[in-house]
Amino acid sequence: MTTPRPRIAIAGIAIESSTFTPYRSSAADFEVRCGTAEILERYPFFAPVADGGTETGQVLREAAEYVGVLHARALPGGQLVGADYAVWKEEILSGLRAALAEAPLDGFFFDIHGAMSVEGLDDAEGDLIAAIRGVIGPDVLVGTAMDLHGNVSEVLFEHCDLLTCYRHAPHIDAWETRERGLRDLVEAASRGGARPHKALVHVPILLPGEKTSTRIEPAKSLYARIPGLTAREGVTDVSIWIGFAWADQPRCKAAVLAFGEDADAVDAAALELATAVWQARHDFEFVAPTGTFEECLDRAVASTARPFWISDSGDNPGAGGADDTTYCLSRLLAREEIRAGEVSALMVSLVDPGSAGLATELGVGGRGDFTVGGRIDARDPGPVALRAEVTALDDAPGTGRAAALRVLDGDTPTGLTVVVTARRSQWASHEMFARLGMSMTGFDIVTVKMGYLEPDQYESAADWLLALTPGGVDQDLVRLGHARIDRPMIPFDAEIPAPAPDRILRGGGA
């Protein structure tokens, strides 16, 4: 007799949102997929092996009947406009009601990032999953696979049965994690839907990803402990969430979560790893040497390492920055070695639809006067006037219109090129640079709106510094002004209490 395949619905809204940036994310920022075919195409492991899928993905694809409802994802940004969230929330709930009218559901995969902020809500993912539970009922198994920079609130923990997150930063295992989370959900649903035991331990630490990269200690060793813990009898999965540093909400903090068949083993694994995180609480350091932008630029100009990369970390759009602060641009423009063309420098990129449009009108080789940046996040110095020659143009979905502008001193080219785009974007791949006829290694100094460097960038940089610049994702959390997080909390307080058995939040096992 053939065992019926479990019926699994999929939906979610995925964005990382800073509450410290003036930018507001809206539906226009998102890629939205609706229906089963579009949503399953999102997962590369479901593709045929010849097209880059995995063998385990093929097995997983056939192991369940999937019902895609709605999935929306966007580059990190500001808080999501409340009206747009409300529309998608209702579409998800309506889609689930329609799916249930056709046949029962055995599982629901909640495909989220975990650090979405919505105007007027302190716990957007908690709000959404609680509403979904209200539709699908208490008996449907719910699984989620998240970014390790997400937050695990008590509400999210209550309504999800199987929770996991990435184990690497940079996130080289993003799709591996989703495949693991979906596989655990399908397997649990195939066994009749018995709920695993789960245990959550919050650790009151709030740190940026640039201090918790798994390339360096102590995060490297902390995450390396996970395979040993998951190999224990009765333990299925163990995860560490760093939490999201650039939202001022009570849910923002580190979390360790385990689930599996044996309650005692699950409790022990969660408490052991949470204790290890607590023991390392004073050991987290930045992933690269740091300084003010002026200090970083001094070192870059004086260095023989080429290219020398500098991260404009406070305005990193990959964490929610506005992507148009001009603090670094103004200082690059003022640097004499760059103005004289003795040092070539690239500033990539600033979102500025007006400048990108003007460049397109002028065409390659055209010259004009531009006012760049500072329209979303207008902190000092605000919009910057410059004269430039258009050296390359592009138009792609991720960036919209994009232009490379060679800054002029009168009619004389300087050593500075600035990239402007119509859409907020993060220039993290060789392919993006190539579309504008540039190389990641083609300039002496590259200033990029990033935090830690992504793999292509990291491999291209002969040397690298992390500039502690102002912006909506400032690495100096204390000067940002958090007022609503739980206290005590590192780095806002010198000390925090140790994890203890009475601090474990438990669930499942029914």
Protein backbone atom coordinates (compact mmCIF):
# COMPACT_ATOMS: atom_id res chain seq x y z
CA MET A 1 0.00 0.00 0.00
CA THR A 2 1.39 3.42 -0.98
CA THR A 3 1.58 6.03 1.78
CA PRO A 4 -0.10 9.27 0.68
CA ARG A 5 2.27 12.16 0.16
CA PRO A 6 1.87 14.97 2.71
CA ARG A 7 0.31 18.17 1.42
CA ILE A 8 2.54 21.16 2.21
CA ALA A 9 1.63 24.83 1.66
CA ILE A 10 4.33 27.49 1.18
CA ALA A 11 4.14 31.24 1.77
CA GLY A 12 6.11 34.08 3.31
CA ILE A 13 7.41 37.63 3.14
CA ALA A 14 11.19 37.99 3.34
CA ILE A 15 13.01 41.25 4.03
CA GLU A 16 15.50 42.58 6.57
CA SER A 17 14.35 46.00 7.79
CA SER A 18 16.24 48.72 9.64
CA THR A 19 14.10 50.92 11.85
CA PHE A 20 16.88 53.53 11.89
CA THR A 21 16.75 54.44 8.20
CA PRO A 22 14.27 56.96 6.78
CA TYR A 23 13.71 54.69 3.79
CA ARG A 24 10.35 52.93 3.60
CA SER A 25 10.15 49.64 1.73
CA SER A 26 7.06 49.14 -0.39
CA ALA A 27 5.60 46.63 -2.82
CA ALA A 28 7.70 48.18 -5.59
CA ASP A 29 10.86 46.86 -3.91
CA PHE A 30 9.71 43.24 -3.89
CA GLU A 31 9.79 40.28 -6.22
CA VAL A 32 6.43 38.59 -5.73
CA ARG A 33 5.65 35.00 -6.71
CA CYS A 34 2.15 33.56 -6.65
CA GLY A 35 0.96 30.02 -7.19
CA THR A 36 2.68 26.68 -6.96
CA ALA A 37 4.70 26.75 -10.17
CA GLU A 38 6.23 30.20 -9.56
CA ILE A 39 7.02 29.51 -5.92
CA LEU A 40 8.65 26.14 -6.53
CA GLU A 41 10.85 27.76 -9.17
CA ARG A 42 12.27 29.87 -6.33
CA TYR A 43 14.12 26.85 -4.90
CA PRO A 44 17.18 25.93 -7.00
CA PHE A 45 17.50 22.52 -5.36
CA PHE A 46 14.20 21.51 -7.01
CA ALA A 47 15.67 22.07 -10.49
CA PRO A 48 16.90 19.06 -12.48
CA VAL A 49 20.42 18.06 -11.50
CA ALA A 50 21.62 18.98 -15.00
CA ASP A 51 20.34 22.51 -14.37
CA GLY A 52 22.00 22.91 -10.97
CA GLY A 53 19.52 21.12 -8.70
CA THR A 54 20.50 18.50 -6.15
CA GLU A 55 19.74 14.81 -6.05
CA THR A 56 18.27 15.23 -2.57
CA GLY A 57 16.18 18.07 -3.98
CA GLN A 58 14.70 15.76 -6.59
CA VAL A 59 13.70 13.29 -3.89
CA LEU A 60 12.23 16.10 -1.81
CA ARG A 61 10.31 17.46 -4.80
CA GLU A 62 8.52 14.13 -5.23
CA ALA A 63 8.05 13.48 -1.51
CA ALA A 64 5.15 15.90 -1.05
CA GLU A 65 2.32 17.68 -2.79
CA TYR A 66 3.20 21.37 -2.59
CA VAL A 67 0.73 24.24 -2.64
CA GLY A 68 2.37 27.56 -3.36
CA VAL A 69 0.39 30.56 -2.11
CA LEU A 70 2.42 33.80 -2.16
CA HIS A 71 6.04 34.67 -1.57
CA ALA A 72 7.51 38.19 -1.58
CA ARG A 73 11.19 39.03 -1.13
CA ALA A 74 13.25 42.20 -1.31
CA LEU A 75 16.71 43.58 -0.75
CA PRO A 76 16.99 44.72 2.88
CA GLY A 77 15.54 48.16 3.43
CA GLY A 78 13.45 50.18 5.81
CA GLN A 79 10.18 49.33 7.50
CA LEU A 80 7.59 47.88 5.14
CA VAL A 81 4.64 50.16 4.44
CA GLY A 82 1.77 48.89 6.58
CA ALA A 83 -0.81 48.95 3.78
CA ASP A 84 1.32 46.77 1.50
CA TYR A 85 1.92 44.26 4.29
CA ALA A 86 -1.81 44.13 5.01
CA VAL A 87 -2.57 43.30 1.36
CA TRP A 88 -0.06 40.45 1.22
CA LYS A 89 -1.15 39.14 4.60
CA GLU A 90 -4.74 38.88 3.43
CA GLU A 91 -3.69 37.28 0.14
CA ILE A 92 -1.77 34.62 2.06
CA LEU A 93 -4.67 33.96 4.41
CA SER A 94 -7.15 33.82 1.54
CA GLY A 95 -4.89 31.48 -0.40
CA LEU A 96 -4.61 29.14 2.57
CA ARG A 97 -8.38 29.15 3.04
CA ALA A 98 -8.78 28.20 -0.62
CA ALA A 99 -6.18 25.43 -0.28
CA LEU A 100 -7.96 24.02 2.76
CA ALA A 101 -11.29 24.10 0.92
CA GLU A 102 -9.77 21.69 -1.62
CA ALA A 103 -8.11 19.28 0.81
CA PRO A 104 -6.50 19.19 4.28
CA LEU A 105 -2.94 20.43 4.78
CA ASP A 106 -0.33 18.37 6.61
CA GLY A 107 2.31 21.08 6.77
CA PHE A 108 3.09 24.72 6.13
CA PHE A 109 6.54 26.08 5.20
CA PHE A 110 6.98 29.66 6.42
CA ASP A 111 9.64 31.04 4.07
CA ILE A 112 10.91 34.23 5.74
CA HIS A 113 14.08 36.14 6.57
CA GLY A 114 13.14 36.83 10.19
CA ALA A 115 13.99 40.53 10.55
CA MET A 116 11.07 42.16 8.75
CA SER A 117 9.76 45.33 10.32
CA VAL A 118 6.34 46.71 9.41
CA GLU A 119 5.02 50.12 10.33
CA GLY A 120 3.13 49.82 13.61
CA LEU A 121 4.26 46.26 14.47
CA ASP A 122 6.95 45.10 16.89
CA ASP A 123 6.99 41.51 15.65
CA ALA A 124 5.92 41.32 12.01
CA GLU A 125 6.72 37.63 11.48
CA GLY A 126 4.97 36.82 14.74
CA ASP A 127 1.91 38.73 13.61
CA LEU A 128 1.85 36.91 10.28
CA ILE A 129 2.35 33.38 11.60
CA ALA A 130 -0.25 33.90 14.35
CA ALA A 131 -2.77 34.92 11.68
CA ILE A 132 -1.78 31.92 9.55
CA ARG A 133 -2.28 29.61 12.53
CA GLY A 134 -5.73 31.09 12.90
CA VAL A 135 -6.54 29.80 9.42
CA ILE A 136 -4.72 26.46 9.24
CA GLY A 137 -5.46 25.46 12.85
CA PRO A 138 -3.29 23.94 15.57
CA ASP A 139 -2.72 20.52 14.00
CA VAL A 140 -0.85 21.47 10.82
CA LEU A 141 2.94 21.20 11.24
CA VAL A 142 4.75 24.49 10.62
CA GLY A 143 8.41 24.70 9.65
CA THR A 144 10.62 27.67 8.86
CA ALA A 145 14.18 28.22 7.62
CA MET A 146 15.57 31.66 8.36
CA ASP A 147 18.56 33.95 8.06
CA LEU A 148 20.75 33.77 11.16
CA HIS A 149 20.32 37.54 11.43
CA GLY A 150 16.60 37.06 12.03
CA ASN A 151 14.83 37.17 15.38
CA VAL A 152 13.06 34.36 17.22
CA SER A 153 10.29 35.93 19.27
CA GLU A 154 8.21 33.93 21.72
CA VAL A 155 5.24 34.27 19.35
CA LEU A 156 7.21 32.88 16.41
CA PHE A 157 8.48 30.05 18.60
CA GLU A 158 4.97 29.25 19.80
CA HIS A 159 3.46 28.92 16.34
CA CYS A 160 6.30 27.12 14.52
CA ASP A 161 7.18 23.49 15.18
CA LEU A 162 10.50 23.17 13.35
CA LEU A 163 12.81 26.19 13.17
CA THR A 164 16.28 26.36 11.65
CA CYS A 165 18.63 29.01 10.24
CA TYR A 166 21.82 29.48 8.25
CA ARG A 167 25.12 28.28 9.72
CA HIS A 168 27.41 30.54 7.72
CA ALA A 169 27.95 34.28 7.38
CA PRO A 170 28.43 35.21 4.57
CA HIS A 171 25.42 33.06 3.75
CA ILE A 172 26.91 30.41 1.50
CA ASP A 173 24.38 27.88 2.82
CA ALA A 174 21.14 29.81 2.26
CA TRP A 175 19.58 27.26 -0.10
CA GLU A 176 21.07 24.31 1.75
CA THR A 177 19.30 25.60 4.87
CA ARG A 178 15.95 25.94 3.12
CA GLU A 179 16.30 22.45 1.70
CA ARG A 180 17.09 21.10 5.18
CA GLY A 181 14.17 22.93 6.75
CA LEU A 182 11.72 21.81 4.11
CA ARG A 183 13.00 18.23 4.25
CA ASP A 184 12.60 18.06 8.04
CA LEU A 185 9.04 19.37 7.68
CA VAL A 186 8.11 16.88 4.94
CA GLU A 187 9.62 13.97 6.88
CA ALA A 188 7.79 14.94 10.07
CA ALA A 189 4.51 15.32 8.18
CA SER A 190 5.07 11.95 6.49
CA ARG A 191 5.40 10.30 9.90
CA GLY A 192 1.93 11.42 10.90
CA GLY A 193 2.65 14.94 12.09
CA ALA A 194 3.95 14.22 15.59
CA ARG A 195 5.36 17.45 16.98
CA PRO A 196 9.02 17.45 17.99
CA HIS A 197 10.11 18.74 21.34
CA LYS A 198 11.64 22.19 21.04
CA ALA A 199 13.66 24.43 23.33
CA LEU A 200 14.54 28.12 22.99
CA VAL A 201 17.15 30.02 25.00
CA HIS A 202 17.51 33.75 24.42
CA VAL A 203 20.96 35.25 25.03
CA PRO A 204 20.84 39.04 25.59
CA ILE A 205 23.51 39.93 23.05
CA LEU A 206 22.84 42.22 20.08
CA LEU A 207 25.71 42.41 17.60
CA PRO A 208 26.06 43.27 13.92
CA GLY A 209 26.94 40.56 11.45
CA GLU A 210 30.32 42.22 10.98
CA LYS A 211 31.23 41.07 14.50
CA THR A 212 29.76 37.61 14.13
CA SER A 213 31.02 36.34 10.79
CA THR A 214 31.64 32.61 10.77
CA ARG A 215 34.93 33.30 8.97
CA ILE A 216 36.45 34.32 12.30
CA GLU A 217 36.30 33.45 16.00
CA PRO A 218 34.33 33.06 18.13
CA ALA A 219 31.40 32.55 15.73
CA LYS A 220 33.45 30.12 13.63
CA SER A 221 33.85 27.70 16.55
CA LEU A 222 30.35 28.26 17.93
CA TYR A 223 28.70 27.26 14.66
CA ALA A 224 31.19 24.42 14.23
CA ARG A 225 29.68 22.82 17.35
CA ILE A 226 26.30 22.35 15.69
CA PRO A 227 27.00 19.10 13.75
CA GLY A 228 28.12 17.37 16.93
CA LEU A 229 24.98 18.45 18.76
CA THR A 230 22.65 17.37 15.96
CA ALA A 231 24.37 13.97 15.89
CA ARG A 232 23.13 13.23 19.39
CA GLU A 233 20.32 10.75 19.75
CA GLY A 234 16.96 12.50 19.99
CA VAL A 235 18.20 15.81 18.53
CA THR A 236 17.21 16.76 14.98
CA ASP A 237 18.46 20.33 14.60
CA VAL A 238 20.21 23.07 16.60
CA SER A 239 20.60 26.68 15.47
CA ILE A 240 22.08 30.00 16.60
CA TRP A 241 20.34 33.22 15.58
CA ILE A 242 22.52 36.31 16.00
CA GLY A 243 19.43 38.51 15.88
CA PHE A 244 18.99 41.77 13.99
CA ALA A 245 20.99 44.69 15.36
CA TRP A 246 19.37 47.56 13.44
CA ALA A 247 15.80 47.34 14.67
CA ASP A 248 14.70 48.82 17.97
CA GLN A 249 12.35 46.07 19.11
CA PRO A 250 12.16 43.85 22.21
CA ARG A 251 12.51 40.66 20.09
CA CYS A 252 15.99 41.65 18.83
CA LYS A 253 18.57 39.46 20.57
CA ALA A 254 20.53 36.27 20.04
CA ALA A 255 18.72 32.96 20.31
CA VAL A 256 19.64 29.28 20.44
CA LEU A 257 16.97 26.76 19.49
CA ALA A 258 16.94 22.97 19.29
CA PHE A 259 14.27 20.45 18.36
CA GLY A 260 14.00 16.69 18.20
CA GLU A 261 12.30 13.59 19.58
CA ASP A 262 13.87 13.55 23.07
CA ALA A 263 12.92 16.45 25.34
CA ASP A 264 15.88 16.08 27.70
CA ALA A 265 18.39 15.82 24.84
CA VAL A 266 16.86 18.86 23.14
CA ASP A 267 16.97 20.91 26.35
CA ALA A 268 20.58 19.91 26.99
CA ALA A 269 21.72 20.78 23.47
CA ALA A 270 20.06 24.21 23.51
CA LEU A 271 21.40 25.08 26.96
CA GLU A 272 24.92 23.86 26.15
CA LEU A 273 25.21 25.94 23.00
CA ALA A 274 23.56 29.00 24.59
CA THR A 275 26.07 28.76 27.43
CA ALA A 276 28.92 28.64 24.90
CA VAL A 277 27.57 31.81 23.24
CA TRP A 278 27.35 33.48 26.64
CA GLN A 279 30.91 32.45 27.52
CA ALA A 280 32.12 34.13 24.32
CA ARG A 281 30.07 37.29 24.95
CA HIS A 282 33.14 39.56 25.29
CA ASP A 283 35.15 37.94 22.48
CA PHE A 284 33.30 39.16 19.38
CA GLU A 285 35.42 41.46 17.21
CA PHE A 286 34.95 43.05 13.82
CA VAL A 287 35.67 40.82 10.85
CA ALA A 288 38.23 43.34 9.54
CA PRO A 289 40.30 46.23 10.91
CA THR A 290 38.14 49.32 11.39
CA GLY A 291 38.41 53.08 11.54
CA THR A 292 36.71 56.26 10.48
CA PHE A 293 36.38 56.63 6.72
CA GLU A 294 39.13 59.25 6.76
CA GLU A 295 41.46 56.85 8.57
CA CYS A 296 40.62 54.03 6.19
CA LEU A 297 41.16 56.25 3.16
CA ASP A 298 44.55 57.40 4.48
CA ARG A 299 45.66 53.79 4.82
CA ALA A 300 44.28 52.82 1.42
CA VAL A 301 46.05 55.66 -0.39
CA ALA A 302 49.35 54.89 1.37
CA SER A 303 49.13 51.13 0.80
CA THR A 304 50.76 49.23 -2.05
CA ALA A 305 47.95 46.63 -1.95
CA ARG A 306 45.71 47.00 -4.99
CA PRO A 307 42.78 46.95 -5.11
CA PHE A 308 42.20 48.17 -1.58
CA TRP A 309 38.55 47.86 -0.58
CA ILE A 310 36.75 49.99 2.01
CA SER A 311 33.28 49.13 3.31
CA ASP A 312 30.92 52.07 3.82
CA SER A 313 29.28 49.94 6.49
CA GLY A 314 26.83 52.44 7.96
CA ASP A 315 24.88 52.69 4.70
CA ASN A 316 24.99 49.03 3.65
CA PRO A 317 21.79 48.32 1.66
CA GLY A 318 22.33 44.62 2.36
CA ALA A 319 21.40 45.32 5.98
CA GLY A 320 18.75 47.99 5.33
CA GLY A 321 20.75 51.16 4.71
CA ALA A 322 19.28 53.83 2.44
CA ASP A 323 22.11 53.36 -0.10
CA ASP A 324 22.46 57.08 -0.76
CA THR A 325 24.40 58.71 2.08
CA THR A 326 27.20 60.86 0.67
CA TYR A 327 29.58 60.91 3.63
CA CYS A 328 32.18 58.80 1.80
CA LEU A 329 31.57 60.35 -1.61
CA SER A 330 32.27 63.85 -0.31
CA ARG A 331 35.57 62.73 1.19
CA LEU A 332 36.65 60.87 -1.92
CA LEU A 333 35.96 64.02 -3.96
CA ALA A 334 38.15 66.07 -1.61
CA ARG A 335 41.13 63.73 -1.71
CA GLU A 336 43.93 65.40 -3.68
CA GLU A 337 45.59 62.19 -4.92
CA ILE A 338 42.26 61.08 -6.38
CA ARG A 339 41.40 64.48 -7.86
CA ALA A 340 44.81 64.58 -9.56
CA GLY A 341 44.31 61.10 -11.01
CA GLU A 342 47.33 59.69 -9.18
CA VAL A 343 45.04 57.16 -7.47
CA SER A 344 42.03 55.60 -9.19
CA ALA A 345 38.97 55.16 -7.00
CA LEU A 346 35.48 53.73 -7.40
CA MET A 347 32.42 54.56 -5.29
CA VAL A 348 29.79 51.85 -5.84
CA SER A 349 26.92 52.52 -5.65
CA LEU A 350 24.42 55.23 -4.73
CA VAL A 351 20.74 54.93 -5.55
CA ASP A 352 19.73 58.04 -7.49
CA PRO A 353 17.09 57.58 -10.19
CA GLY A 354 17.42 61.20 -11.31
CA SER A 355 21.17 60.99 -11.89
CA ALA A 356 20.83 57.60 -13.57
CA GLY A 357 18.14 59.05 -15.85
CA LEU A 358 20.24 62.10 -16.72
CA ALA A 359 23.20 59.87 -17.54
CA THR A 360 20.99 57.82 -19.83
CA GLU A 361 19.87 60.99 -21.64
CA LEU A 362 23.47 62.17 -22.06
CA GLY A 363 24.63 58.77 -23.31
CA VAL A 364 28.08 57.23 -23.07
CA GLY A 365 30.67 59.96 -23.54
CA GLY A 366 28.24 62.70 -22.58
CA ARG A 367 29.15 65.22 -19.90
CA GLY A 368 26.90 67.01 -17.48
CA ASP A 369 26.31 68.43 -14.03
CA PHE A 370 24.84 66.04 -11.48
CA THR A 371 23.51 66.30 -7.95
CA VAL A 372 24.07 62.88 -6.42
CA GLY A 373 22.63 61.11 -3.39
CA GLY A 374 21.35 62.42 -0.06
CA ARG A 375 17.69 62.38 -1.06
CA ILE A 376 16.59 59.48 1.17
CA ASP A 377 19.09 59.76 4.03
CA ALA A 378 20.07 63.40 3.94
CA ARG A 379 22.50 63.38 6.86
CA ASP A 380 25.61 65.52 6.44
CA PRO A 381 26.60 66.49 3.79
CA GLY A 382 23.40 65.67 1.88
CA PRO A 383 23.20 65.84 -1.93
CA VAL A 384 26.59 66.38 -3.59
CA ALA A 385 27.10 68.39 -6.77
CA LEU A 386 29.64 67.11 -9.28
CA ARG A 387 30.46 67.31 -12.96
CA ALA A 388 31.02 63.98 -14.69
CA GLU A 389 31.38 62.11 -17.93
CA VAL A 390 29.21 59.05 -18.53
CA THR A 391 31.57 56.13 -19.19
CA ALA A 392 29.07 53.23 -19.20
CA LEU A 393 25.33 52.53 -19.01
CA ASP A 394 23.26 49.50 -18.13
CA ASP A 395 19.67 48.59 -17.35
CA ALA A 396 18.99 45.39 -15.43
CA PRO A 397 16.21 44.20 -13.08
CA GLY A 398 18.33 44.37 -9.94
CA THR A 399 19.61 47.91 -10.43
CA GLY A 400 17.27 49.52 -12.95
CA ARG A 401 19.13 52.10 -14.96
CA ALA A 402 22.76 52.23 -13.87
CA ALA A 403 25.57 54.55 -14.92
CA ALA A 404 29.28 54.85 -14.31
CA LEU A 405 30.20 58.54 -13.93
CA ARG A 406 33.85 59.63 -14.24
CA VAL A 407 34.12 62.76 -12.10
CA LEU A 408 35.62 65.80 -13.83
CA ASP A 409 37.61 68.72 -12.44
CA GLY A 410 36.48 71.32 -14.91
CA ASP A 411 36.99 69.39 -18.14
CA THR A 412 39.81 67.23 -16.78
CA PRO A 413 39.01 63.65 -15.68
CA THR A 414 39.87 62.85 -12.09
CA GLY A 415 40.65 59.42 -10.67
CA LEU A 416 37.13 58.96 -9.22
CA THR A 417 34.28 57.00 -10.79
CA VAL A 418 30.86 56.92 -9.13
CA VAL A 419 28.14 54.39 -9.96
CA VAL A 420 24.53 55.54 -9.65
CA THR A 421 21.47 53.33 -9.98
CA ALA A 422 17.72 53.70 -10.22
CA ARG A 423 17.12 50.96 -7.63
CA ARG A 424 18.81 50.23 -4.34
CA SER A 425 21.36 47.52 -5.03
CA GLN A 426 24.38 45.75 -3.63
CA TRP A 427 27.34 45.28 -5.98
CA ALA A 428 28.60 41.94 -4.74
CA SER A 429 29.36 39.95 -7.91
CA HIS A 430 31.81 40.05 -10.80
CA GLU A 431 28.87 39.97 -13.19
CA MET A 432 27.42 43.25 -11.92
CA PHE A 433 30.71 45.09 -12.42
CA ALA A 434 31.17 43.56 -15.87
CA ARG A 435 27.82 44.92 -17.05
CA LEU A 436 29.33 48.41 -16.75
CA GLY A 437 32.59 47.35 -18.34
CA MET A 438 34.38 47.36 -15.00
CA SER A 439 36.33 44.81 -12.99
CA MET A 440 36.42 44.28 -9.24
CA THR A 441 40.21 44.56 -9.52
CA GLY A 442 40.33 47.49 -11.95
CA PHE A 443 40.72 50.36 -9.45
CA ASP A 444 43.30 51.21 -6.81
CA ILE A 445 40.62 51.85 -4.19
CA VAL A 446 37.03 50.55 -4.15
CA THR A 447 34.56 52.03 -1.68
CA VAL A 448 31.49 49.84 -1.52
CA LYS A 449 28.29 50.11 0.47
CA MET A 450 28.73 46.82 2.33
CA GLY A 451 29.48 45.43 5.74
CA TYR A 452 31.55 42.27 5.54
CA LEU A 453 32.55 41.47 1.98
CA GLU A 454 30.69 38.83 0.00
CA PRO A 455 32.76 36.00 -1.57
CA ASP A 456 33.53 37.65 -4.96
CA GLN A 457 34.47 40.90 -3.24
CA TYR A 458 36.55 39.21 -0.56
CA GLU A 459 38.52 37.23 -3.13
CA SER A 460 39.12 40.36 -5.25
CA ALA A 461 40.39 42.59 -2.44
CA ALA A 462 44.17 42.67 -1.91
CA ASP A 463 43.42 44.39 1.38
CA TRP A 464 40.29 45.58 3.12
CA LEU A 465 39.09 47.89 5.89
CA LEU A 466 35.66 48.31 7.48
CA ALA A 467 34.84 52.00 7.79
CA LEU A 468 32.60 52.85 10.74
CA THR A 469 30.48 55.34 8.85
CA PRO A 470 27.17 56.98 9.80
CA GLY A 471 23.88 55.67 8.43
CA GLY A 472 20.81 53.63 9.16
CA VAL A 473 22.89 50.49 9.85
CA ASP A 474 25.69 52.13 11.82
CA GLN A 475 28.05 49.54 13.28
CA ASP A 476 28.33 51.63 16.44
CA LEU A 477 25.05 50.43 17.93
CA VAL A 478 25.30 52.55 21.05
CA ARG A 479 25.27 55.81 19.08
CA LEU A 480 22.23 54.68 17.07
CA GLY A 481 19.96 55.18 20.08
CA HIS A 482 18.11 51.91 20.79
CA ALA A 483 15.43 52.64 23.39
CA ARG A 484 13.05 49.67 23.33
CA ILE A 485 15.28 46.59 23.44
CA ASP A 486 15.37 44.41 26.54
CA ARG A 487 18.05 45.26 29.06
CA PRO A 488 20.62 44.30 30.18
CA MET A 489 22.04 43.67 26.71
CA ILE A 490 25.59 43.55 25.39
CA PRO A 491 26.99 45.94 24.04
CA PHE A 492 24.73 48.42 25.81
CA ASP A 493 25.53 46.96 29.24
CA ALA A 494 28.76 45.55 30.60
CA GLU A 495 27.30 42.24 31.79
CA ILE A 496 24.36 39.91 31.24
CA PRO A 497 23.02 36.88 33.16
CA ALA A 498 24.14 33.39 32.20
CA PRO A 499 21.71 30.93 30.56
CA ALA A 500 20.04 28.61 33.06
CA PRO A 501 17.49 25.76 32.92
CA ASP A 502 14.74 28.03 34.19
CA ARG A 503 15.33 30.33 31.20
CA ILE A 504 14.51 27.63 28.64
CA LEU A 505 11.26 28.16 26.75
CA ARG A 506 9.83 24.76 25.80
CA GLY A 507 7.18 23.53 23.43
CA GLY A 508 6.05 20.73 21.16
CA GLY A 509 6.05 17.05 21.97
CA ALA A 510 2.34 16.62 21.47
